[in-house]
PDB file of N, CA and C in Angstrom:
ATOM      1  N   UNK A   1     124.414 120.312 144.471  1.00  0.00           N
ATOM      2  CA  UNK A   1     123.995 121.381 143.587  1.00  0.00           C
ATOM      3  C   UNK A   1     124.729 121.321 142.253  1.00  0.00           C
ATOM      4  N   UNK A   2     126.003 120.970 142.232  1.00  0.00           N
ATOM      5  CA  UNK A   2     126.751 121.021 140.985  1.00  0.00           C
ATOM      6  C   UNK A   2     126.236 120.010 139.968  1.00  0.00           C
ATOM      7  N   UNK A   3     125.824 118.808 140.389  1.00  0.00           N
ATOM      8  CA  UNK A   3     125.312 117.820 139.448  1.00  0.00           C
ATOM      9  C   UNK A   3     124.035 118.337 138.804  1.00  0.00           C
ATOM     10  N   UNK A   4     123.154 118.886 139.613  1.00  0.00           N
ATOM     11  CA  UNK A   4     121.903 119.447 139.096  1.00  0.00           C
ATOM     12  C   UNK A   4     122.195 120.593 138.132  1.00  0.00           C
ATOM     13  N   UNK A   5     123.138 121.429 138.476  1.00  0.00           N
ATOM     14  CA  UNK A   5     123.505 122.565 137.633  1.00  0.00           C
ATOM     15  C   UNK A   5     124.042 122.084 136.294  1.00  0.00           C
ATOM     16  N   UNK A   6     124.935 121.088 136.310  1.00  0.00           N
ATOM     17  CA  UNK A   6     125.520 120.610 135.065  1.00  0.00           C
ATOM     18  C   UNK A   6     124.496 119.888 134.201  1.00  0.00           C
ATOM     19  N   UNK A   7     123.604 119.130 134.811  1.00  0.00           N
ATOM     20  CA  UNK A   7     122.562 118.449 134.038  1.00  0.00           C
ATOM     21  C   UNK A   7     121.663 119.476 133.366  1.00  0.00           C
ATOM     22  N   UNK A   8     121.298 120.500 134.099  1.00  0.00           N
ATOM     23  CA  UNK A   8     120.484 121.574 133.530  1.00  0.00           C
ATOM     24  C   UNK A   8     121.232 122.224 132.372  1.00  0.00           C
ATOM     25  N   UNK A   9     122.513 122.417 132.536  1.00  0.00           N
ATOM     26  CA  UNK A   9     123.315 123.047 131.506  1.00  0.00           C
ATOM     27  C   UNK A   9     123.307 122.217 130.231  1.00  0.00           C
ATOM     28  N   UNK A  10     123.463 120.907 130.357  1.00  0.00           N
ATOM     29  CA  UNK A  10     123.475 120.036 129.185  1.00  0.00           C
ATOM     30  C   UNK A  10     122.127 120.129 128.447  1.00  0.00           C
ATOM     31  N   UNK A  11     121.041 120.133 129.202  1.00  0.00           N
ATOM     32  CA  UNK A  11     119.708 120.244 128.606  1.00  0.00           C
ATOM     33  C   UNK A  11     119.544 121.587 127.898  1.00  0.00           C
ATOM     34  N   UNK A  12     119.946 122.646 128.547  1.00  0.00           N
ATOM     35  CA  UNK A  12     119.845 123.985 127.974  1.00  0.00           C
ATOM     36  C   UNK A  12     120.676 124.103 126.702  1.00  0.00           C
ATOM     37  N   UNK A  13     121.885 123.583 126.749  1.00  0.00           N
ATOM     38  CA  UNK A  13     122.756 123.665 125.569  1.00  0.00           C
ATOM     39  C   UNK A  13     122.141 122.906 124.393  1.00  0.00           C
ATOM     40  N   UNK A  14     121.559 121.746 124.661  1.00  0.00           N
ATOM     41  CA  UNK A  14     120.927 120.970 123.592  1.00  0.00           C
ATOM     42  C   UNK A  14     119.781 121.758 122.968  1.00  0.00           C
ATOM     43  N   UNK A  15     118.976 122.397 123.793  1.00  0.00           N
ATOM     44  CA  UNK A  15     117.860 123.185 123.272  1.00  0.00           C
ATOM     45  C   UNK A  15     118.355 124.312 122.376  1.00  0.00           C
ATOM     46  N   UNK A  16     119.415 124.958 122.784  1.00  0.00           N
ATOM     47  CA  UNK A  16     119.977 126.059 121.987  1.00  0.00           C
ATOM     48  C   UNK A  16     120.529 125.532 120.669  1.00  0.00           C
ATOM     49  N   UNK A  17     121.274 124.438 120.718  1.00  0.00           N
ATOM     50  CA  UNK A  17     121.866 123.881 119.497  1.00  0.00           C
ATOM     51  C   UNK A  17     120.805 123.407 118.513  1.00  0.00           C
ATOM     52  N   UNK A  18     119.685 122.890 119.012  1.00  0.00           N
ATOM     53  CA  UNK A  18     118.618 122.412 118.126  1.00  0.00           C
ATOM     54  C   UNK A  18     118.012 123.549 117.289  1.00  0.00           C
ATOM     55  N   UNK A  19     118.125 124.773 117.751  1.00  0.00           N
ATOM     56  CA  UNK A  19     117.592 125.897 116.980  1.00  0.00           C
ATOM     57  C   UNK A  19     118.468 126.223 115.773  1.00  0.00           C
ATOM     58  N   UNK A  20     119.715 125.765 115.785  1.00  0.00           N
ATOM     59  CA  UNK A  20     120.647 126.124 114.721  1.00  0.00           C
ATOM     60  C   UNK A  20     121.036 124.954 113.813  1.00  0.00           C
ATOM     61  N   UNK A  21     120.772 123.715 114.249  1.00  0.00           N
ATOM     62  CA  UNK A  21     121.203 122.556 113.472  1.00  0.00           C
ATOM     63  C   UNK A  21     120.031 121.615 113.217  1.00  0.00           C
ATOM     64  N   UNK A  22     120.052 120.955 112.069  1.00  0.00           N
ATOM     65  CA  UNK A  22     119.018 119.983 111.728  1.00  0.00           C
ATOM     66  C   UNK A  22     119.160 118.695 112.531  1.00  0.00           C
ATOM     67  N   UNK A  23     120.394 118.301 112.785  1.00  0.00           N
ATOM     68  CA  UNK A  23     120.663 117.052 113.493  1.00  0.00           C
ATOM     69  C   UNK A  23     121.536 117.333 114.706  1.00  0.00           C
ATOM     70  N   UNK A  24     121.147 116.761 115.842  1.00  0.00           N
ATOM     71  CA  UNK A  24     121.920 116.912 117.070  1.00  0.00           C
ATOM     72  C   UNK A  24     121.947 115.562 117.773  1.00  0.00           C
ATOM     73  N   UNK A  25     123.146 115.068 118.010  1.00  0.00           N
ATOM     74  CA  UNK A  25     123.312 113.799 118.708  1.00  0.00           C
ATOM     75  C   UNK A  25     124.271 114.037 119.872  1.00  0.00           C
ATOM     76  N   UNK A  26     123.897 113.536 121.047  1.00  0.00           N
ATOM     77  CA  UNK A  26     124.789 113.609 122.201  1.00  0.00           C
ATOM     78  C   UNK A  26     125.457 112.244 122.347  1.00  0.00           C
ATOM     79  N   UNK A  27     126.764 112.209 122.199  1.00  0.00           N
ATOM     80  CA  UNK A  27     127.530 110.974 122.300  1.00  0.00           C
ATOM     81  C   UNK A  27     128.130 110.909 123.705  1.00  0.00           C
ATOM     82  N   UNK A  28     127.810 109.817 124.405  1.00  0.00           N
ATOM     83  CA  UNK A  28     128.294 109.654 125.780  1.00  0.00           C
ATOM     84  C   UNK A  28     128.904 108.270 125.945  1.00  0.00           C
ATOM     85  N   UNK A  29     129.919 108.144 126.804  1.00  0.00           N
ATOM     86  CA  UNK A  29     130.482 106.815 127.071  1.00  0.00           C
ATOM     87  C   UNK A  29     129.464 105.961 127.830  1.00  0.00           C
ATOM     88  N   UNK A  30     129.611 104.637 127.784  1.00  0.00           N
ATOM     89  CA  UNK A  30     128.631 103.765 128.432  1.00  0.00           C
ATOM     90  C   UNK A  30     128.695 103.762 129.965  1.00  0.00           C
ATOM     91  N   UNK A  31     129.729 104.357 130.527  1.00  0.00           N
ATOM     92  CA  UNK A  31     129.867 104.374 131.987  1.00  0.00           C
ATOM     93  C   UNK A  31     130.113 105.791 132.477  1.00  0.00           C
ATOM     94  N   UNK A  32     129.818 106.025 133.742  1.00  0.00           N
ATOM     95  CA  UNK A  32     130.104 107.323 134.339  1.00  0.00           C
ATOM     96  C   UNK A  32     131.602 107.479 134.553  1.00  0.00           C
ATOM     97  N   UNK A  33     132.061 108.706 134.490  1.00  0.00           N
ATOM     98  CA  UNK A  33     133.452 109.018 134.791  1.00  0.00           C
ATOM     99  C   UNK A  33     133.580 109.303 136.277  1.00  0.00           C
ATOM    100  N   UNK A  34     134.702 108.948 136.847  1.00  0.00           N
ATOM    101  CA  UNK A  34     134.951 109.216 138.258  1.00  0.00           C
ATOM    102  C   UNK A  34     136.057 110.253 138.381  1.00  0.00           C
ATOM    103  N   UNK A  35     135.835 111.211 139.249  1.00  0.00           N
ATOM    104  CA  UNK A  35     136.853 112.215 139.536  1.00  0.00           C
ATOM    105  C   UNK A  35     137.258 112.111 140.991  1.00  0.00           C
ATOM    106  N   UNK A  36     138.548 112.215 141.238  1.00  0.00           N
ATOM    107  CA  UNK A  36     139.061 112.137 142.606  1.00  0.00           C
ATOM    108  C   UNK A  36     139.663 113.493 142.947  1.00  0.00           C
ATOM    109  N   UNK A  37     139.027 114.194 143.875  1.00  0.00           N
ATOM    110  CA  UNK A  37     139.492 115.514 144.309  1.00  0.00           C
ATOM    111  C   UNK A  37     140.286 115.332 145.591  1.00  0.00           C
ATOM    112  N   UNK A  38     141.504 115.854 145.608  1.00  0.00           N
ATOM    113  CA  UNK A  38     142.340 115.736 146.800  1.00  0.00           C
ATOM    114  C   UNK A  38     142.764 117.089 147.354  1.00  0.00           C
ATOM    115  N   UNK A  39     142.303 118.168 146.725  1.00  0.00           N
ATOM    116  CA  UNK A  39     142.695 119.514 147.152  1.00  0.00           C
ATOM    117  C   UNK A  39     141.483 120.440 147.024  1.00  0.00           C
ATOM    118  N   UNK A  40     140.973 120.908 148.159  1.00  0.00           N
ATOM    119  CA  UNK A  40     139.778 121.757 148.150  1.00  0.00           C
ATOM    120  C   UNK A  40     140.019 123.071 147.408  1.00  0.00           C
ATOM    121  N   UNK A  41     141.222 123.623 147.515  1.00  0.00           N
ATOM    122  CA  UNK A  41     141.514 124.874 146.816  1.00  0.00           C
ATOM    123  C   UNK A  41     141.566 124.672 145.310  1.00  0.00           C
ATOM    124  N   UNK A  42     142.114 123.557 144.852  1.00  0.00           N
ATOM    125  CA  UNK A  42     142.149 123.265 143.420  1.00  0.00           C
ATOM    126  C   UNK A  42     140.731 123.070 142.889  1.00  0.00           C
ATOM    127  N   UNK A  43     139.872 122.422 143.679  1.00  0.00           N
ATOM    128  CA  UNK A  43     138.478 122.252 143.291  1.00  0.00           C
ATOM    129  C   UNK A  43     137.788 123.608 143.186  1.00  0.00           C
ATOM    130  N   UNK A  44     138.025 124.470 144.157  1.00  0.00           N
ATOM    131  CA  UNK A  44     137.446 125.817 144.133  1.00  0.00           C
ATOM    132  C   UNK A  44     137.968 126.598 142.931  1.00  0.00           C
ATOM    133  N   UNK A  45     139.247 126.426 142.601  1.00  0.00           N
ATOM    134  CA  UNK A  45     139.811 127.091 141.420  1.00  0.00           C
ATOM    135  C   UNK A  45     139.100 126.646 140.144  1.00  0.00           C
ATOM    136  N   UNK A  46     138.765 125.344 140.063  1.00  0.00           N
ATOM    137  CA  UNK A  46     138.032 124.858 138.894  1.00  0.00           C
ATOM    138  C   UNK A  46     136.674 125.544 138.804  1.00  0.00           C
ATOM    139  N   UNK A  47     135.946 125.599 139.927  1.00  0.00           N
ATOM    140  CA  UNK A  47     134.640 126.249 139.906  1.00  0.00           C
ATOM    141  C   UNK A  47     134.766 127.722 139.546  1.00  0.00           C
ATOM    142  N   UNK A  48     135.815 128.376 140.009  1.00  0.00           N
ATOM    143  CA  UNK A  48     136.060 129.767 139.632  1.00  0.00           C
ATOM    144  C   UNK A  48     136.242 129.875 138.121  1.00  0.00           C
ATOM    145  N   UNK A  49     136.940 128.911 137.533  1.00  0.00           N
ATOM    146  CA  UNK A  49     137.251 128.968 136.099  1.00  0.00           C
ATOM    147  C   UNK A  49     136.034 128.774 135.205  1.00  0.00           C
ATOM    148  N   UNK A  50     134.968 128.163 135.707  1.00  0.00           N
ATOM    149  CA  UNK A  50     133.778 127.927 134.872  1.00  0.00           C
ATOM    150  C   UNK A  50     132.655 128.927 135.149  1.00  0.00           C
ATOM    151  N   UNK A  51     132.972 129.976 135.864  1.00  0.00           N
ATOM    152  CA  UNK A  51     131.959 130.979 136.217  1.00  0.00           C
ATOM    153  C   UNK A  51     131.243 131.516 134.990  1.00  0.00           C
ATOM    154  N   UNK A  52     131.976 131.822 133.946  1.00  0.00           N
ATOM    155  CA  UNK A  52     131.371 132.405 132.751  1.00  0.00           C
ATOM    156  C   UNK A  52     130.306 131.518 132.122  1.00  0.00           C
ATOM    157  N   UNK A  53     130.447 130.214 132.277  1.00  0.00           N
ATOM    158  CA  UNK A  53     129.492 129.280 131.677  1.00  0.00           C
ATOM    159  C   UNK A  53     128.256 129.056 132.534  1.00  0.00           C
ATOM    160  N   UNK A  54     128.382 129.219 133.853  1.00  0.00           N
ATOM    161  CA  UNK A  54     127.302 128.793 134.732  1.00  0.00           C
ATOM    162  C   UNK A  54     126.730 129.852 135.676  1.00  0.00           C
ATOM    163  N   UNK A  55     127.414 130.942 135.903  1.00  0.00           N
ATOM    164  CA  UNK A  55     126.981 131.864 136.956  1.00  0.00           C
ATOM    165  C   UNK A  55     125.610 132.486 136.708  1.00  0.00           C
ATOM    166  N   UNK A  56     125.200 132.597 135.458  1.00  0.00           N
ATOM    167  CA  UNK A  56     123.873 133.159 135.171  1.00  0.00           C
ATOM    168  C   UNK A  56     122.752 132.188 135.538  1.00  0.00           C
ATOM    169  N   UNK A  57     123.103 130.926 135.803  1.00  0.00           N
ATOM    170  CA  UNK A  57     122.098 129.901 136.068  1.00  0.00           C
ATOM    171  C   UNK A  57     121.801 129.697 137.555  1.00  0.00           C
ATOM    172  N   UNK A  58     122.443 130.459 138.423  1.00  0.00           N
ATOM    173  CA  UNK A  58     122.198 130.315 139.859  1.00  0.00           C
ATOM    174  C   UNK A  58     121.704 131.638 140.439  1.00  0.00           C
ATOM    175  N   UNK A  59     120.964 131.541 141.528  1.00  0.00           N
ATOM    176  CA  UNK A  59     120.364 132.734 142.127  1.00  0.00           C
ATOM    177  C   UNK A  59     121.314 133.473 143.060  1.00  0.00           C
ATOM    178  N   UNK A  60     122.388 132.828 143.482  1.00  0.00           N
ATOM    179  CA  UNK A  60     123.333 133.471 144.397  1.00  0.00           C
ATOM    180  C   UNK A  60     124.564 133.936 143.616  1.00  0.00           C
ATOM    181  N   UNK A  61     125.479 134.583 144.317  1.00  0.00           N
ATOM    182  CA  UNK A  61     126.708 135.019 143.644  1.00  0.00           C
ATOM    183  C   UNK A  61     127.584 133.796 143.370  1.00  0.00           C
ATOM    184  N   UNK A  62     128.379 133.865 142.297  1.00  0.00           N
ATOM    185  CA  UNK A  62     129.252 132.739 141.969  1.00  0.00           C
ATOM    186  C   UNK A  62     130.315 132.559 143.052  1.00  0.00           C
ATOM    187  N   UNK A  63     130.729 133.632 143.693  1.00  0.00           N
ATOM    188  CA  UNK A  63     131.683 133.522 144.808  1.00  0.00           C
ATOM    189  C   UNK A  63     131.103 132.659 145.924  1.00  0.00           C
ATOM    190  N   UNK A  64     129.786 132.755 146.156  1.00  0.00           N
ATOM    191  CA  UNK A  64     129.138 131.899 147.156  1.00  0.00           C
ATOM    192  C   UNK A  64     129.158 130.433 146.734  1.00  0.00           C
ATOM    193  N   UNK A  65     128.994 130.175 145.440  1.00  0.00           N
ATOM    194  CA  UNK A  65     129.080 128.801 144.935  1.00  0.00           C
ATOM    195  C   UNK A  65     130.483 128.255 145.175  1.00  0.00           C
ATOM    196  N   UNK A  66     131.492 129.042 144.828  1.00  0.00           N
ATOM    197  CA  UNK A  66     132.883 128.614 144.997  1.00  0.00           C
ATOM    198  C   UNK A  66     133.183 128.368 146.472  1.00  0.00           C
ATOM    199  N   UNK A  67     132.808 129.300 147.339  1.00  0.00           N
ATOM    200  CA  UNK A  67     133.055 129.127 148.776  1.00  0.00           C
ATOM    201  C   UNK A  67     132.294 127.930 149.333  1.00  0.00           C
ATOM    202  N   UNK A  68     131.055 127.739 148.892  1.00  0.00           N
ATOM    203  CA  UNK A  68     130.270 126.599 149.349  1.00  0.00           C
ATOM    204  C   UNK A  68     130.885 125.280 148.924  1.00  0.00           C
ATOM    205  N   UNK A  69     131.417 125.256 147.714  1.00  0.00           N
ATOM    206  CA  UNK A  69     132.086 124.055 147.229  1.00  0.00           C
ATOM    207  C   UNK A  69     133.303 123.737 148.087  1.00  0.00           C
ATOM    208  N   UNK A  70     134.112 124.745 148.347  1.00  0.00           N
ATOM    209  CA  UNK A  70     135.304 124.544 149.179  1.00  0.00           C
ATOM    210  C   UNK A  70     134.907 124.047 150.570  1.00  0.00           C
ATOM    211  N   UNK A  71     133.877 124.656 151.166  1.00  0.00           N
ATOM    212  CA  UNK A  71     133.444 124.244 152.510  1.00  0.00           C
ATOM    213  C   UNK A  71     132.872 122.832 152.518  1.00  0.00           C
ATOM    214  N   UNK A  72     132.226 122.414 151.438  1.00  0.00           N
ATOM    215  CA  UNK A  72     131.656 121.064 151.375  1.00  0.00           C
ATOM    216  C   UNK A  72     132.736 120.002 151.164  1.00  0.00           C
ATOM    217  N   UNK A  73     133.743 120.321 150.377  1.00  0.00           N
ATOM    218  CA  UNK A  73     134.780 119.352 150.045  1.00  0.00           C
ATOM    219  C   UNK A  73     135.804 119.191 151.177  1.00  0.00           C
ATOM    220  N   UNK A  74     136.169 120.274 151.826  1.00  0.00           N
ATOM    221  CA  UNK A  74     137.245 120.246 152.824  1.00  0.00           C
ATOM    222  C   UNK A  74     137.047 119.204 153.928  1.00  0.00           C
ATOM    223  N   UNK A  75     135.880 119.112 154.577  1.00  0.00           N
ATOM    224  CA  UNK A  75     135.749 118.118 155.648  1.00  0.00           C
ATOM    225  C   UNK A  75     135.818 116.671 155.143  1.00  0.00           C
ATOM    226  N   UNK A  76     135.347 116.442 153.921  1.00  0.00           N
ATOM    227  CA  UNK A  76     135.433 115.095 153.348  1.00  0.00           C
ATOM    228  C   UNK A  76     136.896 114.743 153.095  1.00  0.00           C
ATOM    229  N   UNK A  77     137.660 115.700 152.590  1.00  0.00           N
ATOM    230  CA  UNK A  77     139.088 115.471 152.373  1.00  0.00           C
ATOM    231  C   UNK A  77     139.800 115.180 153.686  1.00  0.00           C
ATOM    232  N   UNK A  78     139.449 115.924 154.700  1.00  0.00           N
ATOM    233  CA  UNK A  78     140.073 115.716 156.005  1.00  0.00           C
ATOM    234  C   UNK A  78     139.744 114.323 156.559  1.00  0.00           C
ATOM    235  N   UNK A  79     138.497 113.914 156.372  1.00  0.00           N
ATOM    236  CA  UNK A  79     138.056 112.622 156.904  1.00  0.00           C
ATOM    237  C   UNK A  79     138.522 111.440 156.049  1.00  0.00           C
ATOM    238  N   UNK A  80     138.372 111.556 154.710  1.00  0.00           N
ATOM    239  CA  UNK A  80     138.598 110.414 153.824  1.00  0.00           C
ATOM    240  C   UNK A  80     139.859 110.520 152.967  1.00  0.00           C
ATOM    241  N   UNK A  81     140.436 111.705 152.889  1.00  0.00           N
ATOM    242  CA  UNK A  81     141.619 111.891 152.059  1.00  0.00           C
ATOM    243  C   UNK A  81     141.304 112.209 150.605  1.00  0.00           C
ATOM    244  N   UNK A  82     140.055 112.010 150.193  1.00  0.00           N
ATOM    245  CA  UNK A  82     139.656 112.309 148.816  1.00  0.00           C
ATOM    246  C   UNK A  82     138.147 112.507 148.770  1.00  0.00           C
ATOM    247  N   UNK A  83     137.725 113.317 147.826  1.00  0.00           N
ATOM    248  CA  UNK A  83     136.304 113.539 147.553  1.00  0.00           C
ATOM    249  C   UNK A  83     136.053 112.937 146.179  1.00  0.00           C
ATOM    250  N   UNK A  84     135.222 111.904 146.111  1.00  0.00           N
ATOM    251  CA  UNK A  84     134.981 111.192 144.858  1.00  0.00           C
ATOM    252  C   UNK A  84     133.715 111.742 144.204  1.00  0.00           C
ATOM    253  N   UNK A  85     133.826 112.116 142.958  1.00  0.00           N
ATOM    254  CA  UNK A  85     132.683 112.591 142.189  1.00  0.00           C
ATOM    255  C   UNK A  85     132.461 111.631 141.023  1.00  0.00           C
ATOM    256  N   UNK A  86     131.287 111.682 140.465  1.00  0.00           N
ATOM    257  CA  UNK A  86     131.042 110.907 139.247  1.00  0.00           C
ATOM    258  C   UNK A  86     130.058 111.676 138.392  1.00  0.00           C
ATOM    259  N   UNK A  87     130.088 111.386 137.145  1.00  0.00           N
ATOM    260  CA  UNK A  87     129.178 112.046 136.236  1.00  0.00           C
ATOM    261  C   UNK A  87     129.320 111.494 134.837  1.00  0.00           C
ATOM    262  N   UNK A  88     128.409 111.900 134.010  1.00  0.00           N
ATOM    263  CA  UNK A  88     128.428 111.457 132.622  1.00  0.00           C
ATOM    264  C   UNK A  88     128.959 112.585 131.757  1.00  0.00           C
ATOM    265  N   UNK A  89     129.977 112.287 131.006  1.00  0.00           N
ATOM    266  CA  UNK A  89     130.516 113.269 130.065  1.00  0.00           C
ATOM    267  C   UNK A  89     129.892 113.017 128.700  1.00  0.00           C
ATOM    268  N   UNK A  90     130.061 113.934 127.813  1.00  0.00           N
ATOM    269  CA  UNK A  90     129.525 113.728 126.479  1.00  0.00           C
ATOM    270  C   UNK A  90     129.887 114.883 125.565  1.00  0.00           C
ATOM    271  N   UNK A  91     129.593 114.687 124.321  1.00  0.00           N
ATOM    272  CA  UNK A  91     129.853 115.712 123.324  1.00  0.00           C
ATOM    273  C   UNK A  91     128.648 115.768 122.399  1.00  0.00           C
ATOM    274  N   UNK A  92     128.279 116.984 121.986  1.00  0.00           N
ATOM    275  CA  UNK A  92     127.222 117.157 121.009  1.00  0.00           C
ATOM    276  C   UNK A  92     127.826 117.129 119.609  1.00  0.00           C
ATOM    277  N   UNK A  93     127.240 116.327 118.736  1.00  0.00           N
ATOM    278  CA  UNK A  93     127.632 116.293 117.338  1.00  0.00           C
ATOM    279  C   UNK A  93     126.485 116.901 116.544  1.00  0.00           C
ATOM    280  N   UNK A  94     126.782 117.978 115.845  1.00  0.00           N
ATOM    281  CA  UNK A  94     125.735 118.733 115.152  1.00  0.00           C
ATOM    282  C   UNK A  94     125.973 118.697 113.639  1.00  0.00           C
ATOM    283  N   UNK A  95     124.864 118.666 112.903  1.00  0.00           N
ATOM    284  CA  UNK A  95     124.976 118.720 111.438  1.00  0.00           C
ATOM    285  C   UNK A  95     123.792 119.506 110.881  1.00  0.00           C
TER     286      UNK A  95
END
């Protein structure tokens, strides 16, 4: 769910920025970034910290998103010692 949510967010942000700027370019590195999560509570804390940016985009409570994230990550950490994520980062350059 988080990858879909973040991709939607990037698209939404671009649409909003295009209404205010003549030029909009999204600059991204040529490779995906990898994140290594080793603590389910720290991961949940991160999701808690971004609530203001994303909670309006989901149909459930943000607390449910945070709890679901913790429950999804914990067994992987127990089994593998780390939860590996990947994604594309980027920045919008507006003029």
